[in-house]
N, C-alpha and C. Protein backbone atom coordinates (compact mmCIF):
# COMPACT_ATOMS: atom_id res chain seq x y z
N UNK A 1 -15.47 97.83 123.18
CA UNK A 1 -16.50 98.24 122.20
C UNK A 1 -16.49 99.78 122.07
N UNK A 2 -16.60 100.28 120.87
CA UNK A 2 -16.64 101.75 120.66
C UNK A 2 -17.90 102.10 119.86
N UNK A 3 -18.49 103.21 120.22
CA UNK A 3 -19.64 103.74 119.50
C UNK A 3 -19.29 105.16 119.09
N UNK A 4 -19.70 105.58 117.86
CA UNK A 4 -19.42 106.85 117.30
C UNK A 4 -20.70 107.45 116.76
N UNK A 5 -21.10 108.62 117.20
CA UNK A 5 -22.14 109.42 116.63
C UNK A 5 -21.44 110.55 115.86
N UNK A 6 -21.51 110.39 114.54
CA UNK A 6 -20.57 111.21 113.69
C UNK A 6 -20.86 112.66 113.75
N UNK A 7 -22.15 113.03 114.12
CA UNK A 7 -22.47 114.51 114.25
C UNK A 7 -21.70 115.11 115.43
N UNK A 8 -21.37 114.25 116.45
CA UNK A 8 -20.75 114.77 117.66
C UNK A 8 -19.26 114.43 117.70
N UNK A 9 -18.87 113.26 117.18
CA UNK A 9 -17.50 112.83 117.26
C UNK A 9 -17.05 112.50 115.84
N UNK A 10 -16.49 113.54 115.16
CA UNK A 10 -16.20 113.39 113.70
C UNK A 10 -14.93 112.49 113.59
N UNK A 11 -15.11 111.60 112.62
CA UNK A 11 -13.95 110.76 112.24
C UNK A 11 -13.43 111.26 110.86
N UNK A 12 -12.14 111.25 110.70
CA UNK A 12 -11.53 111.66 109.41
C UNK A 12 -12.03 110.77 108.31
N UNK A 13 -12.02 111.31 107.05
CA UNK A 13 -12.37 110.49 105.90
C UNK A 13 -11.40 109.38 105.75
N UNK A 14 -10.14 109.53 106.07
CA UNK A 14 -9.15 108.47 105.99
C UNK A 14 -9.48 107.32 106.91
N UNK A 15 -9.92 107.65 108.14
CA UNK A 15 -10.30 106.60 109.08
C UNK A 15 -11.55 105.81 108.65
N UNK A 16 -12.54 106.56 108.16
CA UNK A 16 -13.72 105.96 107.66
C UNK A 16 -13.43 105.07 106.48
N UNK A 17 -12.53 105.50 105.57
CA UNK A 17 -12.14 104.69 104.44
C UNK A 17 -11.55 103.40 104.91
N UNK A 18 -10.64 103.44 105.87
CA UNK A 18 -10.10 102.21 106.40
C UNK A 18 -11.03 101.27 107.00
N UNK A 19 -11.98 101.86 107.79
CA UNK A 19 -13.04 100.99 108.38
C UNK A 19 -13.94 100.38 107.29
N UNK A 20 -14.39 101.18 106.34
CA UNK A 20 -15.17 100.64 105.28
C UNK A 20 -14.48 99.53 104.54
N UNK A 21 -13.24 99.83 104.05
CA UNK A 21 -12.54 98.87 103.21
C UNK A 21 -12.11 97.60 103.92
N UNK A 22 -11.94 97.78 105.29
CA UNK A 22 -11.53 96.59 106.03
C UNK A 22 -12.73 95.76 106.60
N UNK A 23 -13.91 96.34 106.72
CA UNK A 23 -14.99 95.62 107.23
C UNK A 23 -16.09 95.31 106.28
N UNK A 24 -16.23 96.12 105.20
CA UNK A 24 -17.21 95.75 104.18
C UNK A 24 -16.44 95.00 103.07
N UNK A 25 -16.40 93.74 103.26
CA UNK A 25 -15.58 92.89 102.38
C UNK A 25 -15.98 91.44 102.59
N UNK A 26 -15.60 90.57 101.61
CA UNK A 26 -14.92 90.92 100.37
C UNK A 26 -15.91 91.63 99.46
N UNK A 27 -15.35 92.57 98.64
CA UNK A 27 -16.18 93.32 97.72
C UNK A 27 -15.90 92.88 96.28
N UNK A 28 -16.96 92.75 95.46
CA UNK A 28 -16.72 92.43 94.02
C UNK A 28 -16.07 93.59 93.34
N UNK A 29 -15.44 93.34 92.26
CA UNK A 29 -14.57 94.35 91.54
C UNK A 29 -15.16 94.58 90.16
N UNK A 30 -15.46 95.84 89.85
CA UNK A 30 -15.86 96.21 88.51
C UNK A 30 -14.56 96.72 87.78
N UNK A 31 -14.27 96.08 86.73
CA UNK A 31 -13.08 96.48 85.89
C UNK A 31 -13.65 97.20 84.68
N UNK A 32 -13.51 98.53 84.69
CA UNK A 32 -14.32 99.38 83.83
C UNK A 32 -13.53 100.06 82.69
N UNK A 33 -13.93 99.81 81.50
CA UNK A 33 -13.32 100.53 80.37
C UNK A 33 -14.25 101.61 79.87
N UNK A 34 -13.60 102.75 79.53
CA UNK A 34 -14.29 103.94 78.95
C UNK A 34 -13.50 104.53 77.82
N UNK A 35 -14.11 105.49 77.14
CA UNK A 35 -13.40 106.28 76.14
C UNK A 35 -13.61 107.75 76.40
N UNK A 36 -12.57 108.60 76.13
CA UNK A 36 -12.84 110.02 76.19
C UNK A 36 -13.31 110.53 74.80
N UNK A 37 -13.53 111.79 74.75
CA UNK A 37 -14.08 112.37 73.57
C UNK A 37 -13.17 112.28 72.33
N UNK A 38 -11.87 112.04 72.54
CA UNK A 38 -10.93 111.89 71.46
C UNK A 38 -10.68 110.45 71.08
N UNK A 39 -11.36 109.50 71.82
CA UNK A 39 -11.24 108.10 71.52
C UNK A 39 -10.15 107.40 72.26
N UNK A 40 -9.53 108.08 73.32
CA UNK A 40 -8.53 107.41 74.11
C UNK A 40 -9.18 106.48 75.12
N UNK A 41 -8.68 105.30 75.26
CA UNK A 41 -9.28 104.27 76.12
C UNK A 41 -8.66 104.39 77.52
N UNK A 42 -9.49 104.10 78.52
CA UNK A 42 -9.15 103.98 79.95
C UNK A 42 -9.66 102.74 80.47
N UNK A 43 -8.93 102.18 81.47
CA UNK A 43 -9.36 100.93 82.09
C UNK A 43 -8.94 100.94 83.53
N UNK A 44 -9.88 100.71 84.46
CA UNK A 44 -9.58 100.89 85.90
C UNK A 44 -10.51 99.98 86.71
N UNK A 45 -10.00 99.46 87.84
CA UNK A 45 -10.83 98.61 88.74
C UNK A 45 -11.47 99.46 89.87
N UNK A 46 -12.65 99.09 90.21
CA UNK A 46 -13.37 99.76 91.33
C UNK A 46 -14.05 98.67 92.20
N UNK A 47 -13.81 98.72 93.42
CA UNK A 47 -14.42 97.68 94.31
C UNK A 47 -15.67 98.22 95.11
N UNK A 48 -15.95 99.52 94.94
CA UNK A 48 -17.24 100.01 95.52
C UNK A 48 -18.29 99.76 94.36
N UNK A 49 -18.79 98.50 94.29
CA UNK A 49 -19.47 98.02 93.11
C UNK A 49 -20.49 96.97 93.49
N UNK A 50 -21.67 96.97 92.76
CA UNK A 50 -22.61 95.92 92.93
C UNK A 50 -23.73 96.05 91.90
N UNK A 51 -24.62 95.07 91.91
CA UNK A 51 -25.91 95.12 91.14
C UNK A 51 -26.84 96.05 91.85
N UNK A 52 -27.54 96.94 91.13
CA UNK A 52 -28.57 97.77 91.75
C UNK A 52 -29.98 97.53 91.25
N UNK A 53 -30.06 96.84 90.06
CA UNK A 53 -31.36 96.58 89.52
C UNK A 53 -31.24 95.40 88.53
N UNK A 54 -32.27 94.57 88.41
CA UNK A 54 -32.22 93.50 87.47
C UNK A 54 -33.18 93.79 86.32
N UNK A 55 -34.28 94.46 86.57
CA UNK A 55 -35.26 94.74 85.51
C UNK A 55 -35.71 96.24 85.69
N UNK A 56 -35.06 97.19 85.02
CA UNK A 56 -33.97 97.03 84.01
C UNK A 56 -32.64 96.63 84.65
N UNK A 57 -31.74 96.05 83.85
CA UNK A 57 -30.47 95.62 84.39
C UNK A 57 -29.50 96.80 84.59
N UNK A 58 -29.18 97.09 85.80
CA UNK A 58 -28.37 98.23 86.13
C UNK A 58 -27.28 97.84 87.13
N UNK A 59 -26.06 98.27 86.87
CA UNK A 59 -24.92 98.08 87.70
C UNK A 59 -24.48 99.42 88.31
N UNK A 60 -24.00 99.43 89.51
CA UNK A 60 -23.50 100.64 90.15
C UNK A 60 -22.11 100.49 90.66
N UNK A 61 -21.23 101.53 90.37
CA UNK A 61 -19.91 101.54 90.93
C UNK A 61 -19.63 103.05 91.30
N UNK A 62 -18.71 103.20 92.23
CA UNK A 62 -18.52 104.54 92.77
C UNK A 62 -17.06 104.96 92.86
N UNK A 63 -16.46 105.54 91.81
CA UNK A 63 -15.11 106.03 91.96
C UNK A 63 -15.07 107.20 92.87
N UNK A 64 -14.09 107.17 93.77
CA UNK A 64 -13.93 108.32 94.76
C UNK A 64 -13.04 109.39 94.12
N UNK A 65 -13.35 110.61 94.55
CA UNK A 65 -12.35 111.69 94.21
C UNK A 65 -11.05 111.35 94.98
N UNK A 66 -9.93 111.73 94.40
CA UNK A 66 -8.63 111.43 95.05
C UNK A 66 -8.35 112.38 96.18
N UNK A 67 -7.20 112.24 96.80
CA UNK A 67 -6.85 113.07 97.99
C UNK A 67 -6.78 114.52 97.71
N UNK A 68 -6.68 114.95 96.45
CA UNK A 68 -6.72 116.38 96.04
C UNK A 68 -8.09 116.78 95.50
N UNK A 69 -9.06 115.88 95.60
CA UNK A 69 -10.43 116.12 95.18
C UNK A 69 -10.52 116.16 93.65
N UNK A 70 -9.65 115.45 93.01
CA UNK A 70 -9.76 115.36 91.48
C UNK A 70 -10.51 114.10 91.12
N UNK A 71 -11.34 114.17 90.09
CA UNK A 71 -12.05 112.97 89.64
C UNK A 71 -11.20 111.97 88.87
N UNK A 72 -11.56 110.72 88.86
CA UNK A 72 -10.89 109.73 88.09
C UNK A 72 -11.17 109.91 86.59
N UNK A 73 -10.24 109.44 85.73
CA UNK A 73 -10.49 109.56 84.31
C UNK A 73 -11.82 108.84 83.91
N UNK A 74 -12.17 107.78 84.64
CA UNK A 74 -13.44 107.06 84.34
C UNK A 74 -14.63 108.03 84.37
N UNK A 75 -14.66 108.91 85.40
CA UNK A 75 -15.78 109.83 85.48
C UNK A 75 -15.68 110.90 84.38
N UNK A 76 -14.50 111.45 84.13
CA UNK A 76 -14.36 112.42 83.11
C UNK A 76 -14.80 111.86 81.75
N UNK A 77 -14.38 110.60 81.50
CA UNK A 77 -14.72 109.96 80.22
C UNK A 77 -16.26 109.75 80.07
N UNK A 78 -16.87 109.29 81.15
CA UNK A 78 -18.30 109.05 81.14
C UNK A 78 -19.10 110.34 80.88
N UNK A 79 -18.53 111.50 81.34
CA UNK A 79 -19.15 112.75 81.06
C UNK A 79 -19.08 113.12 79.57
N UNK A 80 -18.05 112.58 78.85
CA UNK A 80 -17.82 112.87 77.47
C UNK A 80 -18.52 111.81 76.54
N UNK A 81 -18.33 110.57 76.92
CA UNK A 81 -18.89 109.43 76.17
C UNK A 81 -19.62 108.60 77.19
N UNK A 82 -20.97 108.63 77.20
CA UNK A 82 -21.78 108.02 78.25
C UNK A 82 -21.92 106.50 78.04
N UNK A 83 -20.81 105.80 77.91
CA UNK A 83 -20.85 104.34 77.76
C UNK A 83 -19.66 103.76 78.50
N UNK A 84 -19.78 102.52 78.92
CA UNK A 84 -18.66 101.80 79.48
C UNK A 84 -18.87 100.33 79.37
N UNK A 85 -17.78 99.56 79.65
CA UNK A 85 -17.84 98.14 79.71
C UNK A 85 -17.39 97.73 81.10
N UNK A 86 -18.21 97.01 81.85
CA UNK A 86 -17.91 96.53 83.21
C UNK A 86 -17.51 95.06 83.10
N UNK A 87 -16.26 94.75 83.40
CA UNK A 87 -15.71 93.37 83.30
C UNK A 87 -15.72 92.77 84.68
N UNK A 88 -15.91 91.47 84.68
CA UNK A 88 -15.58 90.58 85.86
C UNK A 88 -14.39 89.78 85.48
N UNK A 89 -13.23 90.10 86.04
CA UNK A 89 -11.99 89.55 85.46
C UNK A 89 -11.70 88.12 85.92
N UNK A 90 -12.00 87.75 87.16
CA UNK A 90 -11.56 86.50 87.73
C UNK A 90 -10.09 86.49 88.02
N UNK A 91 -9.66 85.49 88.71
CA UNK A 91 -8.28 85.41 89.15
C UNK A 91 -7.26 85.33 88.03
N UNK A 92 -7.68 84.82 86.89
CA UNK A 92 -6.79 84.67 85.78
C UNK A 92 -6.16 85.96 85.23
N UNK A 93 -6.78 87.10 85.50
CA UNK A 93 -6.33 88.38 85.03
C UNK A 93 -6.05 89.38 86.18
N UNK A 94 -5.83 88.85 87.38
CA UNK A 94 -5.68 89.70 88.51
C UNK A 94 -4.41 90.60 88.39
N UNK A 95 -3.32 90.08 87.86
CA UNK A 95 -2.09 90.92 87.73
C UNK A 95 -2.33 92.03 86.74
N UNK A 96 -3.00 91.73 85.60
CA UNK A 96 -3.28 92.78 84.65
C UNK A 96 -4.30 93.82 85.21
N UNK A 97 -5.24 93.34 85.92
CA UNK A 97 -6.23 94.23 86.53
C UNK A 97 -5.49 95.14 87.56
N UNK A 98 -4.67 94.65 88.35
CA UNK A 98 -3.94 95.40 89.30
C UNK A 98 -3.08 96.44 88.60
N UNK A 99 -2.45 96.10 87.48
CA UNK A 99 -1.60 96.99 86.76
C UNK A 99 -2.41 98.21 86.26
N UNK A 100 -3.70 98.04 85.95
CA UNK A 100 -4.49 99.17 85.42
C UNK A 100 -4.95 100.12 86.53
N UNK A 101 -4.59 99.84 87.78
CA UNK A 101 -4.89 100.76 88.86
C UNK A 101 -3.77 101.78 89.04
N UNK A 102 -2.76 101.66 88.25
CA UNK A 102 -1.61 102.62 88.35
C UNK A 102 -2.07 104.03 87.93
N UNK A 103 -1.51 105.08 88.51
CA UNK A 103 -1.91 106.44 88.23
C UNK A 103 -1.18 106.96 87.05
N UNK A 104 -1.67 106.60 85.87
CA UNK A 104 -1.10 107.08 84.62
C UNK A 104 -1.53 108.51 84.30
N UNK A 105 -0.80 109.12 83.31
CA UNK A 105 -1.17 110.46 82.91
C UNK A 105 -2.56 110.40 82.14
N UNK A 106 -3.29 111.44 82.25
CA UNK A 106 -4.58 111.55 81.55
C UNK A 106 -4.36 111.28 80.02
N UNK A 107 -5.10 110.37 79.44
CA UNK A 107 -4.99 110.06 78.02
C UNK A 107 -4.14 108.82 77.78
N UNK A 108 -3.30 108.43 78.80
CA UNK A 108 -2.53 107.16 78.55
C UNK A 108 -3.47 105.96 78.63
N UNK A 109 -3.15 104.92 77.90
CA UNK A 109 -4.03 103.76 77.66
C UNK A 109 -3.57 102.64 78.60
N UNK A 110 -4.45 102.28 79.50
CA UNK A 110 -4.13 101.22 80.44
C UNK A 110 -4.18 99.86 79.77
N UNK A 111 -4.86 99.69 78.71
CA UNK A 111 -4.84 98.43 77.91
C UNK A 111 -3.40 98.18 77.50
N UNK A 112 -2.75 99.23 76.97
CA UNK A 112 -1.38 99.07 76.49
C UNK A 112 -0.46 98.87 77.66
N UNK A 113 -0.64 99.63 78.71
CA UNK A 113 0.22 99.56 79.92
C UNK A 113 0.20 98.13 80.49
N UNK A 114 -0.99 97.50 80.49
CA UNK A 114 -1.07 96.19 81.09
C UNK A 114 -0.90 95.02 80.05
N UNK A 115 -0.68 95.39 78.74
CA UNK A 115 -0.50 94.34 77.74
C UNK A 115 -1.74 93.61 77.41
N UNK A 116 -2.90 94.32 77.40
CA UNK A 116 -4.22 93.72 77.14
C UNK A 116 -4.71 94.04 75.75
N UNK A 117 -5.36 93.02 75.16
CA UNK A 117 -5.91 93.23 73.80
C UNK A 117 -7.33 93.80 73.91
N UNK A 118 -7.66 94.73 73.02
CA UNK A 118 -8.96 95.29 72.92
C UNK A 118 -9.77 94.55 71.87
N UNK A 119 -11.04 94.30 72.14
CA UNK A 119 -11.96 93.83 71.11
C UNK A 119 -13.28 94.63 71.23
N UNK A 120 -14.01 94.61 70.12
CA UNK A 120 -15.28 95.39 70.10
C UNK A 120 -16.31 94.71 71.04
N UNK A 121 -17.13 95.61 71.67
CA UNK A 121 -18.22 95.14 72.50
C UNK A 121 -19.56 95.51 71.84
N UNK A 122 -20.41 94.59 71.66
CA UNK A 122 -21.67 94.83 71.00
C UNK A 122 -22.48 95.91 71.75
N UNK A 123 -23.14 96.81 71.02
CA UNK A 123 -24.06 97.76 71.60
C UNK A 123 -23.45 99.08 72.10
N UNK A 124 -22.11 99.10 72.27
CA UNK A 124 -21.43 100.27 72.75
C UNK A 124 -20.16 100.58 71.90
N UNK A 125 -19.66 101.77 71.97
CA UNK A 125 -18.44 102.12 71.27
C UNK A 125 -17.16 101.78 72.02
N UNK A 126 -17.30 101.53 73.27
CA UNK A 126 -16.19 101.25 74.15
C UNK A 126 -15.67 99.83 73.97
N UNK A 127 -14.35 99.56 73.89
CA UNK A 127 -13.87 98.23 73.75
C UNK A 127 -13.89 97.49 75.02
N UNK A 128 -13.84 96.14 74.92
CA UNK A 128 -13.73 95.33 76.09
C UNK A 128 -12.37 94.65 76.11
N UNK A 129 -11.98 94.02 77.25
CA UNK A 129 -10.79 93.23 77.43
C UNK A 129 -10.98 91.92 76.78
N UNK A 130 -10.15 91.51 75.85
CA UNK A 130 -10.38 90.27 75.08
C UNK A 130 -10.49 89.05 75.95
N UNK A 131 -9.68 88.95 76.98
CA UNK A 131 -9.60 87.74 77.78
C UNK A 131 -10.49 87.68 78.98
N UNK A 132 -11.34 88.73 79.17
CA UNK A 132 -12.20 88.79 80.43
C UNK A 132 -13.34 87.80 80.20
N UNK A 133 -13.63 86.92 81.18
CA UNK A 133 -14.68 85.96 80.98
C UNK A 133 -16.09 86.49 80.99
N UNK A 134 -16.31 87.62 81.66
CA UNK A 134 -17.61 88.21 81.66
C UNK A 134 -17.48 89.72 81.47
N UNK A 135 -18.31 90.30 80.62
CA UNK A 135 -18.31 91.76 80.39
C UNK A 135 -19.71 92.24 80.04
N UNK A 136 -20.01 93.43 80.60
CA UNK A 136 -21.33 94.02 80.39
C UNK A 136 -21.17 95.36 79.73
N UNK A 137 -21.71 95.49 78.48
CA UNK A 137 -21.71 96.76 77.83
C UNK A 137 -22.81 97.62 78.38
N UNK A 138 -22.46 98.85 78.78
CA UNK A 138 -23.45 99.65 79.50
C UNK A 138 -23.52 101.09 78.89
N UNK A 139 -24.75 101.66 79.08
CA UNK A 139 -24.95 103.10 78.81
C UNK A 139 -25.20 103.82 80.11
N UNK A 140 -24.67 104.94 80.25
CA UNK A 140 -24.82 105.71 81.49
C UNK A 140 -26.21 106.18 81.64
N UNK A 141 -26.77 105.89 82.87
CA UNK A 141 -28.07 106.45 83.24
C UNK A 141 -27.93 107.72 84.03
N UNK A 142 -26.96 107.68 84.99
CA UNK A 142 -26.84 108.80 85.91
C UNK A 142 -25.54 108.72 86.69
N UNK A 143 -25.04 109.86 87.07
CA UNK A 143 -23.90 109.91 88.05
C UNK A 143 -24.43 110.72 89.22
N UNK A 144 -24.46 110.15 90.39
CA UNK A 144 -24.89 110.84 91.58
C UNK A 144 -23.64 111.25 92.34
N UNK A 145 -23.44 112.49 92.51
CA UNK A 145 -22.20 113.06 93.21
C UNK A 145 -22.47 113.40 94.63
N UNK A 146 -21.56 113.00 95.53
CA UNK A 146 -21.73 113.22 96.93
C UNK A 146 -20.91 114.34 97.49
N UNK A 147 -20.42 115.26 96.63
CA UNK A 147 -19.68 116.37 97.08
C UNK A 147 -18.46 116.53 96.24
N UNK A 148 -17.67 117.64 96.54
CA UNK A 148 -16.42 117.93 95.83
C UNK A 148 -15.19 117.84 96.75
N UNK A 149 -15.32 117.27 97.89
CA UNK A 149 -14.25 117.15 98.86
C UNK A 149 -13.46 115.84 98.60
N UNK A 150 -12.24 115.74 99.07
CA UNK A 150 -11.48 114.51 98.85
C UNK A 150 -12.23 113.27 99.37
N UNK A 151 -12.16 112.20 98.57
CA UNK A 151 -12.76 110.89 98.84
C UNK A 151 -14.28 110.92 98.79
N UNK A 152 -14.89 111.94 98.24
CA UNK A 152 -16.34 111.92 97.97
C UNK A 152 -16.62 110.98 96.81
N UNK A 153 -17.69 110.23 96.90
CA UNK A 153 -18.08 109.25 95.89
C UNK A 153 -18.78 109.92 94.73
N UNK A 154 -18.70 109.19 93.59
CA UNK A 154 -19.46 109.54 92.37
C UNK A 154 -20.14 108.26 91.91
N UNK A 155 -21.38 108.03 92.32
CA UNK A 155 -22.07 106.81 92.08
C UNK A 155 -22.53 106.73 90.59
N UNK A 156 -21.95 105.83 89.85
CA UNK A 156 -22.28 105.63 88.43
C UNK A 156 -23.37 104.59 88.30
N UNK A 157 -24.49 104.89 87.74
CA UNK A 157 -25.53 103.92 87.47
C UNK A 157 -25.49 103.69 85.99
N UNK A 158 -25.15 102.44 85.62
CA UNK A 158 -24.86 102.08 84.22
C UNK A 158 -25.83 100.96 83.82
N UNK A 159 -26.64 101.16 82.80
CA UNK A 159 -27.59 100.21 82.36
C UNK A 159 -27.00 99.26 81.32
N UNK A 160 -27.14 97.97 81.58
CA UNK A 160 -26.51 96.96 80.76
C UNK A 160 -27.36 96.83 79.46
N UNK A 161 -26.71 96.95 78.27
CA UNK A 161 -27.32 96.83 76.94
C UNK A 161 -26.76 95.65 76.17
N UNK A 162 -25.66 95.05 76.65
CA UNK A 162 -25.12 93.87 76.02
C UNK A 162 -24.25 93.10 76.97
N UNK A 163 -24.12 91.80 76.67
CA UNK A 163 -23.40 90.90 77.58
C UNK A 163 -22.44 89.97 76.76
N UNK A 164 -21.22 89.87 77.20
CA UNK A 164 -20.26 88.91 76.72
C UNK A 164 -19.97 87.95 77.86
N UNK A 165 -20.19 86.64 77.67
CA UNK A 165 -19.82 85.65 78.72
C UNK A 165 -19.23 84.42 78.09
N UNK A 166 -18.18 83.96 78.71
CA UNK A 166 -17.50 82.71 78.24
C UNK A 166 -18.44 81.48 78.49
N UNK A 167 -18.62 80.67 77.46
CA UNK A 167 -19.50 79.53 77.62
C UNK A 167 -18.98 78.55 78.69
N UNK A 168 -17.74 78.55 79.02
CA UNK A 168 -17.12 77.72 80.03
C UNK A 168 -17.54 78.25 81.43
N UNK A 169 -18.01 79.47 81.50
CA UNK A 169 -18.37 80.08 82.77
C UNK A 169 -19.88 79.99 83.02
N UNK A 170 -20.69 80.18 82.01
CA UNK A 170 -22.17 80.19 82.22
C UNK A 170 -22.84 79.25 81.22
N UNK A 171 -23.75 78.45 81.72
CA UNK A 171 -24.47 77.49 80.91
C UNK A 171 -25.84 77.96 80.49
N UNK A 172 -26.12 79.22 80.76
CA UNK A 172 -27.44 79.78 80.52
C UNK A 172 -28.30 79.85 81.74
N UNK A 173 -27.86 79.21 82.84
CA UNK A 173 -28.58 79.30 84.07
C UNK A 173 -27.62 79.50 85.25
N UNK A 174 -26.62 78.63 85.32
CA UNK A 174 -25.69 78.67 86.46
C UNK A 174 -24.31 79.19 86.00
N UNK A 175 -23.69 79.98 86.85
CA UNK A 175 -22.35 80.37 86.68
C UNK A 175 -21.42 79.40 87.39
N UNK A 176 -20.40 78.95 86.66
CA UNK A 176 -19.40 78.07 87.28
C UNK A 176 -18.39 78.87 88.06
N UNK A 177 -18.38 78.72 89.37
CA UNK A 177 -17.45 79.47 90.16
C UNK A 177 -16.03 78.93 89.90
N UNK A 178 -15.90 77.64 89.59
CA UNK A 178 -14.60 77.12 89.26
C UNK A 178 -14.05 77.67 87.92
N UNK A 179 -14.97 77.87 86.97
CA UNK A 179 -14.56 78.49 85.73
C UNK A 179 -14.27 79.96 85.84
N UNK A 180 -15.08 80.71 86.62
CA UNK A 180 -14.83 82.16 86.74
C UNK A 180 -13.71 82.53 87.67
N UNK A 181 -13.56 81.75 88.73
CA UNK A 181 -12.57 82.01 89.81
C UNK A 181 -12.65 83.49 90.28
N UNK A 182 -13.85 83.87 90.78
CA UNK A 182 -14.06 85.27 91.12
C UNK A 182 -13.23 85.66 92.35
N UNK A 183 -12.90 86.97 92.41
CA UNK A 183 -12.12 87.54 93.46
C UNK A 183 -12.92 88.57 94.26
N UNK A 184 -12.59 88.75 95.52
CA UNK A 184 -13.15 89.81 96.37
C UNK A 184 -12.05 90.67 96.83
N UNK A 185 -12.36 91.95 96.89
CA UNK A 185 -11.32 92.94 97.36
C UNK A 185 -11.43 93.07 98.89
N UNK A 186 -10.28 93.02 99.49
CA UNK A 186 -10.14 93.27 100.98
C UNK A 186 -9.44 94.60 101.12
N UNK A 187 -8.97 94.84 102.37
CA UNK A 187 -8.27 96.14 102.56
C UNK A 187 -6.82 96.01 102.09
N UNK A 188 -6.18 97.17 101.88
CA UNK A 188 -4.81 97.20 101.49
C UNK A 188 -4.54 96.51 100.18
N UNK A 189 -3.57 95.59 100.15
CA UNK A 189 -3.22 94.87 98.95
C UNK A 189 -3.85 93.53 98.85
N UNK A 190 -4.81 93.24 99.75
CA UNK A 190 -5.32 91.90 99.91
C UNK A 190 -6.60 91.64 99.05
N UNK A 191 -6.65 90.39 98.60
CA UNK A 191 -7.82 89.85 97.85
C UNK A 191 -8.28 88.55 98.49
N UNK A 192 -9.52 88.13 98.17
CA UNK A 192 -10.00 86.91 98.72
C UNK A 192 -10.52 86.06 97.53
N UNK A 193 -10.24 84.72 97.62
CA UNK A 193 -10.83 83.82 96.66
C UNK A 193 -12.17 83.29 97.20
N UNK A 194 -12.94 82.76 96.26
CA UNK A 194 -14.23 82.18 96.63
C UNK A 194 -14.14 80.63 96.68
N UNK A 195 -13.04 80.09 97.05
CA UNK A 195 -12.82 78.64 96.96
C UNK A 195 -13.29 77.96 98.26
N UNK A 196 -13.50 78.69 99.29
CA UNK A 196 -13.98 78.16 100.57
C UNK A 196 -15.45 78.59 100.80
N UNK A 197 -16.39 77.77 100.37
CA UNK A 197 -17.81 78.19 100.43
C UNK A 197 -18.61 77.21 101.24
N UNK A 198 -19.76 77.72 101.73
CA UNK A 198 -20.79 76.81 102.36
C UNK A 198 -22.12 77.34 101.99
N UNK A 199 -23.11 76.47 102.08
CA UNK A 199 -24.49 76.81 101.69
C UNK A 199 -25.39 76.89 102.88
N UNK A 200 -26.28 77.87 102.90
CA UNK A 200 -27.38 78.02 103.86
C UNK A 200 -28.63 78.26 103.05
N UNK A 201 -29.59 77.27 103.08
CA UNK A 201 -30.77 77.38 102.24
C UNK A 201 -31.65 78.46 102.79
N UNK A 202 -32.06 79.33 101.94
CA UNK A 202 -32.89 80.51 102.35
C UNK A 202 -34.36 80.08 102.20
N UNK A 203 -35.25 80.69 103.07
CA UNK A 203 -36.64 80.42 102.94
C UNK A 203 -37.13 80.82 101.54
N UNK A 204 -38.06 80.08 100.95
CA UNK A 204 -38.58 80.42 99.66
C UNK A 204 -39.24 81.78 99.61
N UNK A 205 -39.86 82.18 100.67
CA UNK A 205 -40.53 83.50 100.71
C UNK A 205 -39.53 84.66 100.72
N UNK A 206 -38.25 84.36 100.93
CA UNK A 206 -37.18 85.31 101.00
C UNK A 206 -36.55 85.69 99.63
N UNK A 207 -36.94 84.87 98.58
CA UNK A 207 -36.34 85.10 97.32
C UNK A 207 -36.91 86.27 96.57
N UNK A 208 -36.17 86.94 95.79
CA UNK A 208 -36.68 88.09 95.01
C UNK A 208 -37.47 87.59 93.80
N UNK A 209 -37.33 86.32 93.43
CA UNK A 209 -38.04 85.79 92.26
C UNK A 209 -39.24 85.02 92.66
N UNK A 210 -40.22 84.88 91.76
CA UNK A 210 -41.37 84.10 91.97
C UNK A 210 -40.99 82.60 91.87
N UNK A 211 -41.83 81.72 92.34
CA UNK A 211 -41.55 80.31 92.26
C UNK A 211 -41.37 79.82 90.86
N UNK A 212 -42.15 80.41 89.91
CA UNK A 212 -41.97 80.00 88.47
C UNK A 212 -40.64 80.43 88.05
N UNK A 213 -40.17 81.67 88.37
CA UNK A 213 -38.88 82.17 87.95
C UNK A 213 -37.75 81.31 88.51
N UNK A 214 -37.89 80.89 89.79
CA UNK A 214 -36.87 80.07 90.40
C UNK A 214 -36.66 78.77 89.71
N UNK A 215 -37.73 78.28 89.12
CA UNK A 215 -37.64 77.00 88.43
C UNK A 215 -37.18 77.11 87.02
N UNK A 216 -37.04 78.35 86.49
CA UNK A 216 -36.68 78.51 85.04
C UNK A 216 -35.18 78.82 84.84
């Protein structure tokens, strides 16, 4: 067993990254499209991602600065055009999603690189991936920056203004896990499927919703 008090025993950012990515998992993946000020599209996956609010509906994802402390194009684009589309790809598009993680030149279009079709997303100017089963059109609320050093996070808070969802995935109440085939990000090149599941009934008092909402 090891214990670390980071004020006294500093761990490198690389070591902390490996610990985070290997132990905080599986992580959901935000597949985010943006536009720069000239209308060039960008598409990239981020696994530091989750829901941060339901009312109002807000998603959060955190692109890290790279090893040279440069921001991702996603952050640059959001500073120019404060809109994005957050996709949940599912296993059916995992190869295309992985292809969009390549380090292309600024202004190059990952949609084209991965052979993906663009379609309009209601409520925002940013296009969505045509084949993605779930997509959330968002407007930027805030970017919280945690520094300018390598691997510092840039927490994007994006408010959902429109939703696209495949009818085979959502019936208006329940999401079909079999239809969505969601993936979780592990460390390195690894992903996890949600095909091995078990249920643990939570106490009613532990739910975020009222009893009336749970029944609706």
